[in-house]
C-alpha atoms as a PDB file:
ATOM      1  CA  UNK A   1      40.976 -26.264  54.166  1.00  0.00           C
ATOM      2  CA  UNK A   2      38.621 -28.838  52.469  1.00  0.00           C
ATOM      3  CA  UNK A   3      38.791 -27.878  48.786  1.00  0.00           C
ATOM      4  CA  UNK A   4      35.980 -30.414  47.897  1.00  0.00           C
ATOM      5  CA  UNK A   5      33.727 -28.702  50.275  1.00  0.00           C
ATOM      6  CA  UNK A   6      34.640 -25.243  49.051  1.00  0.00           C
ATOM      7  CA  UNK A   7      33.888 -26.099  45.423  1.00  0.00           C
ATOM      8  CA  UNK A   8      30.637 -27.718  46.125  1.00  0.00           C
ATOM      9  CA  UNK A   9      29.442 -25.267  48.868  1.00  0.00           C
ATOM     10  CA  UNK A  10      25.716 -24.229  48.620  1.00  0.00           C
ATOM     11  CA  UNK A  11      26.599 -20.816  47.414  1.00  0.00           C
ATOM     12  CA  UNK A  12      28.708 -22.111  44.429  1.00  0.00           C
ATOM     13  CA  UNK A  13      26.060 -24.798  43.645  1.00  0.00           C
ATOM     14  CA  UNK A  14      23.415 -21.974  43.581  1.00  0.00           C
ATOM     15  CA  UNK A  15      25.553 -19.884  41.311  1.00  0.00           C
ATOM     16  CA  UNK A  16      25.939 -22.710  38.896  1.00  0.00           C
ATOM     17  CA  UNK A  17      22.190 -23.318  38.966  1.00  0.00           C
ATOM     18  CA  UNK A  18      21.555 -19.721  38.078  1.00  0.00           C
ATOM     19  CA  UNK A  19      24.160 -19.558  35.318  1.00  0.00           C
ATOM     20  CA  UNK A  20      23.046 -22.780  33.488  1.00  0.00           C
ATOM     21  CA  UNK A  21      19.589 -21.368  32.403  1.00  0.00           C
ATOM     22  CA  UNK A  22      21.115 -18.128  31.340  1.00  0.00           C
ATOM     23  CA  UNK A  23      23.684 -19.889  29.259  1.00  0.00           C
ATOM     24  CA  UNK A  24      20.994 -22.117  27.689  1.00  0.00           C
ATOM     25  CA  UNK A  25      18.813 -19.022  26.949  1.00  0.00           C
ATOM     26  CA  UNK A  26      21.767 -17.236  25.230  1.00  0.00           C
ATOM     27  CA  UNK A  27      22.510 -20.374  23.181  1.00  0.00           C
ATOM     28  CA  UNK A  28      18.913 -20.624  22.124  1.00  0.00           C
ATOM     29  CA  UNK A  29      18.675 -16.967  21.314  1.00  0.00           C
ATOM     30  CA  UNK A  30      21.811 -17.128  19.163  1.00  0.00           C
ATOM     31  CA  UNK A  31      20.534 -20.219  17.353  1.00  0.00           C
ATOM     32  CA  UNK A  32      17.226 -18.539  16.664  1.00  0.00           C
ATOM     33  CA  UNK A  33      18.846 -15.399  15.332  1.00  0.00           C
ATOM     34  CA  UNK A  34      21.093 -17.495  13.083  1.00  0.00           C
ATOM     35  CA  UNK A  35      18.160 -19.430  11.878  1.00  0.00           C
ATOM     36  CA  UNK A  36      16.223 -16.249  11.086  1.00  0.00           C
ATOM     37  CA  UNK A  37      19.192 -14.763   9.250  1.00  0.00           C
ATOM     38  CA  UNK A  38      19.641 -17.878   7.159  1.00  0.00           C
ATOM     39  CA  UNK A  39      16.076 -18.802   6.463  1.00  0.00           C
ATOM     40  CA  UNK A  40      14.695 -16.868   3.356  1.00  0.00           C
ATOM     41  CA  UNK A  41      12.145 -14.306   3.843  1.00  0.00           C
ATOM     42  CA  UNK A  42       9.203 -14.776   1.499  1.00  0.00           C
ATOM     43  CA  UNK A  43       8.252 -11.496  -0.111  1.00  0.00           C
ATOM     44  CA  UNK A  44       4.997 -11.112  -1.916  1.00  0.00           C
ATOM     45  CA  UNK A  45       4.866  -8.564  -4.750  1.00  0.00           C
ATOM     46  CA  UNK A  46       2.313  -7.473  -7.377  1.00  0.00           C
ATOM     47  CA  UNK A  47       2.796  -6.172 -10.803  1.00  0.00           C
ATOM     48  CA  UNK A  48       2.665  -2.461 -10.039  1.00  0.00           C
ATOM     49  CA  UNK A  49       5.567  -0.645 -11.805  1.00  0.00           C
ATOM     50  CA  UNK A  50       7.494   1.334 -10.845  1.00  0.00           C
ATOM     51  CA  UNK A  51       6.805   0.600  -7.221  1.00  0.00           C
ATOM     52  CA  UNK A  52       7.194  -3.168  -7.468  1.00  0.00           C
ATOM     53  CA  UNK A  53       7.103  -5.561 -10.382  1.00  0.00           C
ATOM     54  CA  UNK A  54       8.856  -8.521 -12.169  1.00  0.00           C
ATOM     55  CA  UNK A  55      10.820  -6.992 -15.063  1.00  0.00           C
ATOM     56  CA  UNK A  56      11.295  -8.413 -18.521  1.00  0.00           C
ATOM     57  CA  UNK A  57      14.166 -10.636 -17.261  1.00  0.00           C
ATOM     58  CA  UNK A  58      11.973 -12.181 -14.732  1.00  0.00           C
ATOM     59  CA  UNK A  59      13.675 -10.317 -11.882  1.00  0.00           C
ATOM     60  CA  UNK A  60      11.987  -8.308  -9.097  1.00  0.00           C
ATOM     61  CA  UNK A  61      12.346  -4.537  -9.591  1.00  0.00           C
ATOM     62  CA  UNK A  62      11.002  -1.194  -8.594  1.00  0.00           C
ATOM     63  CA  UNK A  63      11.308   1.445  -5.852  1.00  0.00           C
ATOM     64  CA  UNK A  64      10.254  -0.680  -2.949  1.00  0.00           C
ATOM     65  CA  UNK A  65      12.296  -3.669  -4.189  1.00  0.00           C
ATOM     66  CA  UNK A  66      15.377  -1.385  -4.436  1.00  0.00           C
ATOM     67  CA  UNK A  67      14.895  -0.283  -0.731  1.00  0.00           C
ATOM     68  CA  UNK A  68      14.250  -3.794   0.499  1.00  0.00           C
ATOM     69  CA  UNK A  69      17.412  -5.155  -1.052  1.00  0.00           C
ATOM     70  CA  UNK A  70      19.438  -2.399   0.631  1.00  0.00           C
ATOM     71  CA  UNK A  71      17.994  -3.290   3.956  1.00  0.00           C
ATOM     72  CA  UNK A  72      18.439  -7.027   3.293  1.00  0.00           C
ATOM     73  CA  UNK A  73      22.161  -6.544   2.526  1.00  0.00           C
ATOM     74  CA  UNK A  74      22.613  -4.586   5.794  1.00  0.00           C
ATOM     75  CA  UNK A  75      20.671  -6.978   7.889  1.00  0.00           C
ATOM     76  CA  UNK A  76      21.995 -10.157   6.299  1.00  0.00           C
ATOM     77  CA  UNK A  77      18.505 -11.387   5.032  1.00  0.00           C
ATOM     78  CA  UNK A  78      17.861 -13.790   2.236  1.00  0.00           C
ATOM     79  CA  UNK A  79      14.889 -12.823   0.102  1.00  0.00           C
ATOM     80  CA  UNK A  80      12.614 -15.202  -1.791  1.00  0.00           C
ATOM     81  CA  UNK A  81      10.216 -13.195  -3.966  1.00  0.00           C
ATOM     82  CA  UNK A  82       6.715 -14.609  -4.615  1.00  0.00           C
ATOM     83  CA  UNK A  83       5.018 -12.606  -7.512  1.00  0.00           C
ATOM     84  CA  UNK A  84       1.254 -12.851  -7.593  1.00  0.00           C
ATOM     85  CA  UNK A  85      -1.849 -10.603  -8.136  1.00  0.00           C
ATOM     86  CA  UNK A  86      -2.579  -8.027  -5.396  1.00  0.00           C
ATOM     87  CA  UNK A  87      -5.525  -9.941  -4.087  1.00  0.00           C
ATOM     88  CA  UNK A  88      -3.647 -13.199  -3.868  1.00  0.00           C
ATOM     89  CA  UNK A  89      -0.766 -11.525  -2.161  1.00  0.00           C
ATOM     90  CA  UNK A  90      -3.096 -10.079   0.517  1.00  0.00           C
ATOM     91  CA  UNK A  91      -4.652 -13.532   1.027  1.00  0.00           C
ATOM     92  CA  UNK A  92      -1.193 -15.214   1.244  1.00  0.00           C
ATOM     93  CA  UNK A  93      -0.173 -12.553   3.816  1.00  0.00           C
ATOM     94  CA  UNK A  94      -3.287 -13.108   5.862  1.00  0.00           C
ATOM     95  CA  UNK A  95      -2.686 -16.870   5.842  1.00  0.00           C
ATOM     96  CA  UNK A  96       1.007 -16.394   6.715  1.00  0.00           C
ATOM     97  CA  UNK A  97       2.086 -18.101   3.505  1.00  0.00           C
ATOM     98  CA  UNK A  98       4.474 -15.083   2.846  1.00  0.00           C
ATOM     99  CA  UNK A  99       6.385 -13.229   5.433  1.00  0.00           C
ATOM    100  CA  UNK A 100       6.277  -9.757   3.908  1.00  0.00           C
ATOM    101  CA  UNK A 101       4.424  -7.836   1.362  1.00  0.00           C
ATOM    102  CA  UNK A 102       5.639  -4.760  -0.581  1.00  0.00           C
ATOM    103  CA  UNK A 103       3.622  -1.857  -2.008  1.00  0.00           C
ATOM    104  CA  UNK A 104       0.556  -1.896   0.253  1.00  0.00           C
ATOM    105  CA  UNK A 105      -1.418   1.180   1.405  1.00  0.00           C
ATOM    106  CA  UNK A 106      -2.078   1.625   5.070  1.00  0.00           C
ATOM    107  CA  UNK A 107      -5.708   1.710   6.175  1.00  0.00           C
ATOM    108  CA  UNK A 108      -7.383   1.163   9.580  1.00  0.00           C
ATOM    109  CA  UNK A 109      -9.234  -1.787   8.185  1.00  0.00           C
ATOM    110  CA  UNK A 110      -6.087  -3.411   6.826  1.00  0.00           C
ATOM    111  CA  UNK A 111      -4.319  -2.727  10.130  1.00  0.00           C
ATOM    112  CA  UNK A 112      -6.797  -5.138  11.748  1.00  0.00           C
ATOM    113  CA  UNK A 113      -5.346  -7.965   9.634  1.00  0.00           C
ATOM    114  CA  UNK A 114      -1.784  -6.985   9.051  1.00  0.00           C
ATOM    115  CA  UNK A 115       1.025  -5.069  10.837  1.00  0.00           C
ATOM    116  CA  UNK A 116       2.698  -2.251   8.861  1.00  0.00           C
ATOM    117  CA  UNK A 117       5.989  -0.567   9.157  1.00  0.00           C
ATOM    118  CA  UNK A 118       5.715   2.982  10.574  1.00  0.00           C
ATOM    119  CA  UNK A 119       7.608   5.041   8.081  1.00  0.00           C
ATOM    120  CA  UNK A 120       5.942   5.913   4.731  1.00  0.00           C
ATOM    121  CA  UNK A 121       7.957   4.742   1.786  1.00  0.00           C
ATOM    122  CA  UNK A 122       6.295   7.069  -0.825  1.00  0.00           C
ATOM    123  CA  UNK A 123       3.037   8.904  -1.235  1.00  0.00           C
ATOM    124  CA  UNK A 124       0.657   7.935  -4.042  1.00  0.00           C
ATOM    125  CA  UNK A 125      -2.829   8.688  -5.228  1.00  0.00           C
ATOM    126  CA  UNK A 126      -5.468   7.331  -7.563  1.00  0.00           C
ATOM    127  CA  UNK A 127      -6.501   8.602 -10.971  1.00  0.00           C
ATOM    128  CA  UNK A 128      -9.240   7.848 -13.504  1.00  0.00           C
ATOM    129  CA  UNK A 129      -7.990   7.131 -17.089  1.00  0.00           C
ATOM    130  CA  UNK A 130     -10.437   7.216 -20.016  1.00  0.00           C
ATOM    131  CA  UNK A 131     -10.457   6.872 -23.797  1.00  0.00           C
ATOM    132  CA  UNK A 132      -9.041   9.999 -25.463  1.00  0.00           C
ATOM    133  CA  UNK A 133     -12.500  10.810 -27.012  1.00  0.00           C
ATOM    134  CA  UNK A 134     -14.281  10.339 -23.633  1.00  0.00           C
ATOM    135  CA  UNK A 135     -16.051  13.374 -22.135  1.00  0.00           C
ATOM    136  CA  UNK A 136     -15.794  12.220 -18.500  1.00  0.00           C
ATOM    137  CA  UNK A 137     -14.870  15.150 -16.402  1.00  0.00           C
ATOM    138  CA  UNK A 138     -16.341  14.503 -12.878  1.00  0.00           C
ATOM    139  CA  UNK A 139     -17.602  11.776 -10.524  1.00  0.00           C
ATOM    140  CA  UNK A 140     -21.194  12.311 -11.932  1.00  0.00           C
ATOM    141  CA  UNK A 141     -20.050  11.467 -15.378  1.00  0.00           C
ATOM    142  CA  UNK A 142     -19.232   8.007 -14.161  1.00  0.00           C
ATOM    143  CA  UNK A 143     -22.895   7.073 -13.693  1.00  0.00           C
ATOM    144  CA  UNK A 144     -23.717   3.786 -15.409  1.00  0.00           C
ATOM    145  CA  UNK A 145     -20.152   3.615 -16.776  1.00  0.00           C
ATOM    146  CA  UNK A 146     -18.042   0.466 -16.827  1.00  0.00           C
ATOM    147  CA  UNK A 147     -15.058   0.973 -14.624  1.00  0.00           C
ATOM    148  CA  UNK A 148     -11.958  -1.437 -14.690  1.00  0.00           C
ATOM    149  CA  UNK A 149     -10.651  -1.912 -11.231  1.00  0.00           C
ATOM    150  CA  UNK A 150      -8.365  -4.188  -9.099  1.00  0.00           C
ATOM    151  CA  UNK A 151     -10.895  -5.725  -6.699  1.00  0.00           C
ATOM    152  CA  UNK A 152      -9.288  -4.922  -3.303  1.00  0.00           C
ATOM    153  CA  UNK A 153      -7.123  -2.042  -4.428  1.00  0.00           C
ATOM    154  CA  UNK A 154      -7.405   0.994  -2.019  1.00  0.00           C
ATOM    155  CA  UNK A 155      -8.165   3.321  -4.992  1.00  0.00           C
ATOM    156  CA  UNK A 156     -11.013   1.246  -6.164  1.00  0.00           C
ATOM    157  CA  UNK A 157     -12.460   1.038  -2.635  1.00  0.00           C
ATOM    158  CA  UNK A 158     -12.109   4.783  -2.152  1.00  0.00           C
ATOM    159  CA  UNK A 159     -13.823   5.519  -5.477  1.00  0.00           C
ATOM    160  CA  UNK A 160     -16.571   3.017  -4.840  1.00  0.00           C
ATOM    161  CA  UNK A 161     -17.268   4.552  -1.499  1.00  0.00           C
ATOM    162  CA  UNK A 162     -17.353   8.068  -2.873  1.00  0.00           C
ATOM    163  CA  UNK A 163     -19.791   7.182  -5.723  1.00  0.00           C
ATOM    164  CA  UNK A 164     -22.093   5.362  -3.237  1.00  0.00           C
ATOM    165  CA  UNK A 165     -22.214   8.511  -1.176  1.00  0.00           C
ATOM    166  CA  UNK A 166     -23.606  10.422  -4.125  1.00  0.00           C
ATOM    167  CA  UNK A 167     -25.920   7.687  -5.245  1.00  0.00           C
ATOM    168  CA  UNK A 168     -23.967   7.238  -8.399  1.00  0.00           C
ATOM    169  CA  UNK A 169     -24.253   3.669  -9.842  1.00  0.00           C
ATOM    170  CA  UNK A 170     -21.348   2.396 -11.831  1.00  0.00           C
ATOM    171  CA  UNK A 171     -20.380  -1.086 -13.108  1.00  0.00           C
ATOM    172  CA  UNK A 172     -17.139  -2.322 -11.857  1.00  0.00           C
ATOM    173  CA  UNK A 173     -14.980  -4.755 -13.890  1.00  0.00           C
ATOM    174  CA  UNK A 174     -12.459  -6.499 -11.582  1.00  0.00           C
ATOM    175  CA  UNK A 175      -9.043  -7.285 -13.186  1.00  0.00           C
ATOM    176  CA  UNK A 176      -5.757  -8.637 -11.803  1.00  0.00           C
ATOM    177  CA  UNK A 177      -3.476  -5.539 -12.119  1.00  0.00           C
ATOM    178  CA  UNK A 178      -3.008  -2.030 -13.501  1.00  0.00           C
ATOM    179  CA  UNK A 179      -1.748  -3.337 -16.760  1.00  0.00           C
ATOM    180  CA  UNK A 180      -5.062  -5.192 -17.208  1.00  0.00           C
ATOM    181  CA  UNK A 181      -6.854  -1.962 -16.249  1.00  0.00           C
ATOM    182  CA  UNK A 182      -5.218   0.007 -19.053  1.00  0.00           C
ATOM    183  CA  UNK A 183      -5.778  -2.828 -21.575  1.00  0.00           C
ATOM    184  CA  UNK A 184      -9.436  -3.270 -20.604  1.00  0.00           C
ATOM    185  CA  UNK A 185     -10.088   0.534 -21.264  1.00  0.00           C
ATOM    186  CA  UNK A 186      -7.948   0.590 -24.397  1.00  0.00           C
ATOM    187  CA  UNK A 187      -9.742  -2.356 -25.912  1.00  0.00           C
ATOM    188  CA  UNK A 188     -13.182  -0.680 -25.399  1.00  0.00           C
ATOM    189  CA  UNK A 189     -14.321  -3.229 -22.730  1.00  0.00           C
ATOM    190  CA  UNK A 190     -14.468  -0.435 -20.049  1.00  0.00           C
ATOM    191  CA  UNK A 191     -15.331   3.222 -20.224  1.00  0.00           C
ATOM    192  CA  UNK A 192     -12.820   4.259 -17.474  1.00  0.00           C
ATOM    193  CA  UNK A 193     -10.164   2.622 -15.356  1.00  0.00           C
ATOM    194  CA  UNK A 194      -8.683   3.276 -11.859  1.00  0.00           C
ATOM    195  CA  UNK A 195      -4.918   3.193 -11.552  1.00  0.00           C
ATOM    196  CA  UNK A 196      -2.175   4.464  -9.240  1.00  0.00           C
ATOM    197  CA  UNK A 197      -0.586   7.750 -10.451  1.00  0.00           C
ATOM    198  CA  UNK A 198       3.026   6.379 -10.466  1.00  0.00           C
ATOM    199  CA  UNK A 199       2.013   3.454 -12.449  1.00  0.00           C
ATOM    200  CA  UNK A 200       0.291   5.814 -14.964  1.00  0.00           C
ATOM    201  CA  UNK A 201       3.359   8.010 -15.175  1.00  0.00           C
ATOM    202  CA  UNK A 202       5.379   5.040 -16.212  1.00  0.00           C
ATOM    203  CA  UNK A 203       2.961   3.390 -18.625  1.00  0.00           C
ATOM    204  CA  UNK A 204       0.564   6.000 -20.140  1.00  0.00           C
ATOM    205  CA  UNK A 205       2.766   6.582 -23.175  1.00  0.00           C
ATOM    206  CA  UNK A 206       2.201   2.933 -24.218  1.00  0.00           C
ATOM    207  CA  UNK A 207      -1.574   3.657 -24.497  1.00  0.00           C
ATOM    208  CA  UNK A 208      -1.856   6.691 -26.956  1.00  0.00           C
ATOM    209  CA  UNK A 209      -5.617   6.198 -27.167  1.00  0.00           C
ATOM    210  CA  UNK A 210      -5.994   6.864 -23.406  1.00  0.00           C
ATOM    211  CA  UNK A 211      -5.811  10.007 -21.412  1.00  0.00           C
ATOM    212  CA  UNK A 212      -5.887  11.106 -17.739  1.00  0.00           C
ATOM    213  CA  UNK A 213      -9.191  12.433 -16.571  1.00  0.00           C
ATOM    214  CA  UNK A 214      -9.337  15.471 -14.190  1.00  0.00           C
ATOM    215  CA  UNK A 215     -10.618  12.958 -11.453  1.00  0.00           C
ATOM    216  CA  UNK A 216      -7.752  12.564  -8.889  1.00  0.00           C
ATOM    217  CA  UNK A 217      -8.501  11.132  -5.415  1.00  0.00           C
ATOM    218  CA  UNK A 218      -7.454   9.096  -2.364  1.00  0.00           C
ATOM    219  CA  UNK A 219      -4.006  10.188  -1.331  1.00  0.00           C
ATOM    220  CA  UNK A 220      -2.239   7.292   0.290  1.00  0.00           C
ATOM    221  CA  UNK A 221       1.026   6.263   2.020  1.00  0.00           C
ATOM    222  CA  UNK A 222       2.732   3.184   0.603  1.00  0.00           C
ATOM    223  CA  UNK A 223       4.231   0.782   3.196  1.00  0.00           C
ATOM    224  CA  UNK A 224       5.500  -2.727   3.847  1.00  0.00           C
ATOM    225  CA  UNK A 225       3.378  -5.222   5.745  1.00  0.00           C
ATOM    226  CA  UNK A 226       3.632  -8.498   7.614  1.00  0.00           C
ATOM    227  CA  UNK A 227       0.985 -11.001   8.945  1.00  0.00           C
ATOM    228  CA  UNK A 228      -0.625  -9.703  12.153  1.00  0.00           C
ATOM    229  CA  UNK A 229       1.377 -10.359  15.288  1.00  0.00           C
ATOM    230  CA  UNK A 230       4.458 -11.627  13.485  1.00  0.00           C
ATOM    231  CA  UNK A 231       7.932 -10.590  12.257  1.00  0.00           C
ATOM    232  CA  UNK A 232       8.184  -7.482  14.382  1.00  0.00           C
ATOM    233  CA  UNK A 233      11.923  -7.625  13.753  1.00  0.00           C
ATOM    234  CA  UNK A 234      11.335  -7.137  10.023  1.00  0.00           C
ATOM    235  CA  UNK A 235       9.268  -3.975  10.260  1.00  0.00           C
ATOM    236  CA  UNK A 236      11.548  -2.627  13.037  1.00  0.00           C
ATOM    237  CA  UNK A 237      14.579  -3.100  10.786  1.00  0.00           C
ATOM    238  CA  UNK A 238      12.853  -1.560   7.779  1.00  0.00           C
ATOM    239  CA  UNK A 239      11.830   1.510   9.802  1.00  0.00           C
ATOM    240  CA  UNK A 240      15.370   1.905  11.228  1.00  0.00           C
ATOM    241  CA  UNK A 241      17.014   1.881   7.729  1.00  0.00           C
ATOM    242  CA  UNK A 242      14.233   3.930   6.038  1.00  0.00           C
ATOM    243  CA  UNK A 243      14.808   6.742   8.532  1.00  0.00           C
ATOM    244  CA  UNK A 244      18.544   6.771   7.745  1.00  0.00           C
ATOM    245  CA  UNK A 245      17.954   6.510   3.906  1.00  0.00           C
ATOM    246  CA  UNK A 246      15.380   9.273   3.872  1.00  0.00           C
ATOM    247  CA  UNK A 247      17.531  11.662   6.001  1.00  0.00           C
ATOM    248  CA  UNK A 248      20.372  11.373   3.470  1.00  0.00           C
ATOM    249  CA  UNK A 249      19.609  12.933   0.056  1.00  0.00           C
ATOM    250  CA  UNK A 250      22.484  10.992  -1.536  1.00  0.00           C
ATOM    251  CA  UNK A 251      21.188   7.524  -0.310  1.00  0.00           C
ATOM    252  CA  UNK A 252      19.964   4.690  -2.364  1.00  0.00           C
ATOM    253  CA  UNK A 253      16.354   5.828  -1.456  1.00  0.00           C
ATOM    254  CA  UNK A 254      16.689   9.013  -3.483  1.00  0.00           C
ATOM    255  CA  UNK A 255      18.811   7.317  -6.195  1.00  0.00           C
ATOM    256  CA  UNK A 256      15.813   4.859  -6.690  1.00  0.00           C
ATOM    257  CA  UNK A 257      13.362   7.772  -6.902  1.00  0.00           C
ATOM    258  CA  UNK A 258      15.546   9.487  -9.489  1.00  0.00           C
ATOM    259  CA  UNK A 259      16.011   6.150 -11.401  1.00  0.00           C
ATOM    260  CA  UNK A 260      12.340   5.306 -11.629  1.00  0.00           C
ATOM    261  CA  UNK A 261      10.603   8.673 -11.466  1.00  0.00           C
ATOM    262  CA  UNK A 262      13.196  11.352 -12.142  1.00  0.00           C
ATOM    263  CA  UNK A 263      12.296  12.878  -8.824  1.00  0.00           C
ATOM    264  CA  UNK A 264      14.609  14.607  -6.387  1.00  0.00           C
ATOM    265  CA  UNK A 265      13.706  14.940  -2.728  1.00  0.00           C
ATOM    266  CA  UNK A 266      11.981  18.402  -3.459  1.00  0.00           C
ATOM    267  CA  UNK A 267      10.045  16.997  -6.339  1.00  0.00           C
ATOM    268  CA  UNK A 268       9.015  13.641  -4.949  1.00  0.00           C
ATOM    269  CA  UNK A 269       5.367  14.676  -4.320  1.00  0.00           C
ATOM    270  CA  UNK A 270       4.126  17.945  -5.919  1.00  0.00           C
ATOM    271  CA  UNK A 271       2.796  20.118  -3.147  1.00  0.00           C
ATOM    272  CA  UNK A 272      -0.345  21.075  -4.986  1.00  0.00           C
ATOM    273  CA  UNK A 273      -1.527  17.451  -5.438  1.00  0.00           C
ATOM    274  CA  UNK A 274      -2.704  16.697  -1.832  1.00  0.00           C
ATOM    275  CA  UNK A 275      -4.142  20.203  -1.514  1.00  0.00           C
ATOM    276  CA  UNK A 276      -6.106  19.839  -4.721  1.00  0.00           C
ATOM    277  CA  UNK A 277      -7.379  16.422  -3.573  1.00  0.00           C
ATOM    278  CA  UNK A 278      -8.568  17.710  -0.229  1.00  0.00           C
ATOM    279  CA  UNK A 279     -10.090  20.891  -1.610  1.00  0.00           C
ATOM    280  CA  UNK A 280     -11.972  18.804  -4.262  1.00  0.00           C
ATOM    281  CA  UNK A 281     -13.179  16.323  -1.621  1.00  0.00           C
ATOM    282  CA  UNK A 282     -14.289  19.281   0.712  1.00  0.00           C
ATOM    283  CA  UNK A 283     -16.230  20.806  -2.190  1.00  0.00           C
ATOM    284  CA  UNK A 284     -17.926  17.603  -2.875  1.00  0.00           C
ATOM    285  CA  UNK A 285     -18.903  17.067   0.764  1.00  0.00           C
ATOM    286  CA  UNK A 286     -20.315  20.613   0.982  1.00  0.00           C
ATOM    287  CA  UNK A 287     -22.407  19.962  -2.142  1.00  0.00           C
ATOM    288  CA  UNK A 288     -23.563  16.679  -0.678  1.00  0.00           C
ATOM    289  CA  UNK A 289     -24.612  18.419   2.517  1.00  0.00           C
ATOM    290  CA  UNK A 290     -26.567  21.124   0.702  1.00  0.00           C
ATOM    291  CA  UNK A 291     -28.133  18.474  -1.533  1.00  0.00           C
ATOM    292  CA  UNK A 292     -29.389  16.543   1.571  1.00  0.00           C
ATOM    293  CA  UNK A 293     -30.605  19.830   3.220  1.00  0.00           C
ATOM    294  CA  UNK A 294     -32.364  20.938   0.046  1.00  0.00           C
ATOM    295  CA  UNK A 295     -34.030  17.519  -0.361  1.00  0.00           C
ATOM    296  CA  UNK A 296     -35.233  17.611   3.201  1.00  0.00           C
ATOM    297  CA  UNK A 297     -36.760  21.053   2.660  1.00  0.00           C
ATOM    298  CA  UNK A 298     -38.444  20.130  -0.544  1.00  0.00           C
ATOM    299  CA  UNK A 299     -39.923  17.075   1.180  1.00  0.00           C
ATOM    300  CA  UNK A 300     -41.130  19.145   4.101  1.00  0.00           C
ATOM    301  CA  UNK A 301     -42.696  21.719   1.803  1.00  0.00           C
ATOM    302  CA  UNK A 302     -44.392  19.039  -0.369  1.00  0.00           C
ATOM    303  CA  UNK A 303     -45.775  17.478   2.850  1.00  0.00           C
ATOM    304  CA  UNK A 304     -47.027  20.902   4.014  1.00  0.00           C
ATOM    305  CA  UNK A 305     -48.716  21.675   0.690  1.00  0.00           C
ATOM    306  CA  UNK A 306     -50.180  18.142   0.717  1.00  0.00           C
ATOM    307  CA  UNK A 307     -51.847  18.980   4.048  1.00  0.00           C
ATOM    308  CA  UNK A 308     -53.438  22.104   2.594  1.00  0.00           C
ATOM    309  CA  UNK A 309     -54.884  20.114  -0.319  1.00  0.00           C
ATOM    310  CA  UNK A 310     -56.733  17.721   1.934  1.00  0.00           C
END
């Protein structure tokens, strides 16, 4: 038997030719995974306590930071936090200057520019805060008022849209964060301010001259986001761990809610809040409908009477 011919037979050579690309692919995949695990993930965060913020020691903190750190430990990620204003974080995410952004509400428009993780981290909503002596009670009371807002904040956009539908003109004063919203109203530079409810819960006691108005609106889900078409592995891992964390009432997820909000699983989002918001919105839409119908009828009758007078 010719050993040389057996070793280098066409079948054996073909087998080697098939194995070599597979070995190279496995090697490249391993190197890629190791690189991703060792390269720091740049995380953008805004000053929005207690969801995400830089604390007094200059360290990232908050509910979404707590959860992200748990996932990073499990996945072997290195995190590099990049604090900035909300608008600049959005711009950095769009330009792929950061890999991940925390504390961002999902919307169809934003989903055209960013990819979101699927599982909601926490529910939030917007609220109008006013000076303690203010008489603002409804959307209509905001006519011609100066309202402090964060320019691209989802609550600001929702309020702006709602007022436009009613033909209510207000003057919007853009600021960098919710701290600045409260400060602007407290200093008398604005008549009202738009903030997230969880931020208000944490900070309203620092502003005794402000109070919550009855105007609550825009229930949202808070998520993580990555630049469009990138880092699918990050959001997949976040969703995998979020499901596990939310299914276990003793997990770090619920410990973080308790730490920052004093909320248990059953208390995390009062059941009446979403219902109240939707009922209020429905009443407003019905009133808007009847206002349009009444206006059309008045216009038609005026036109009809005008015909008689000629």
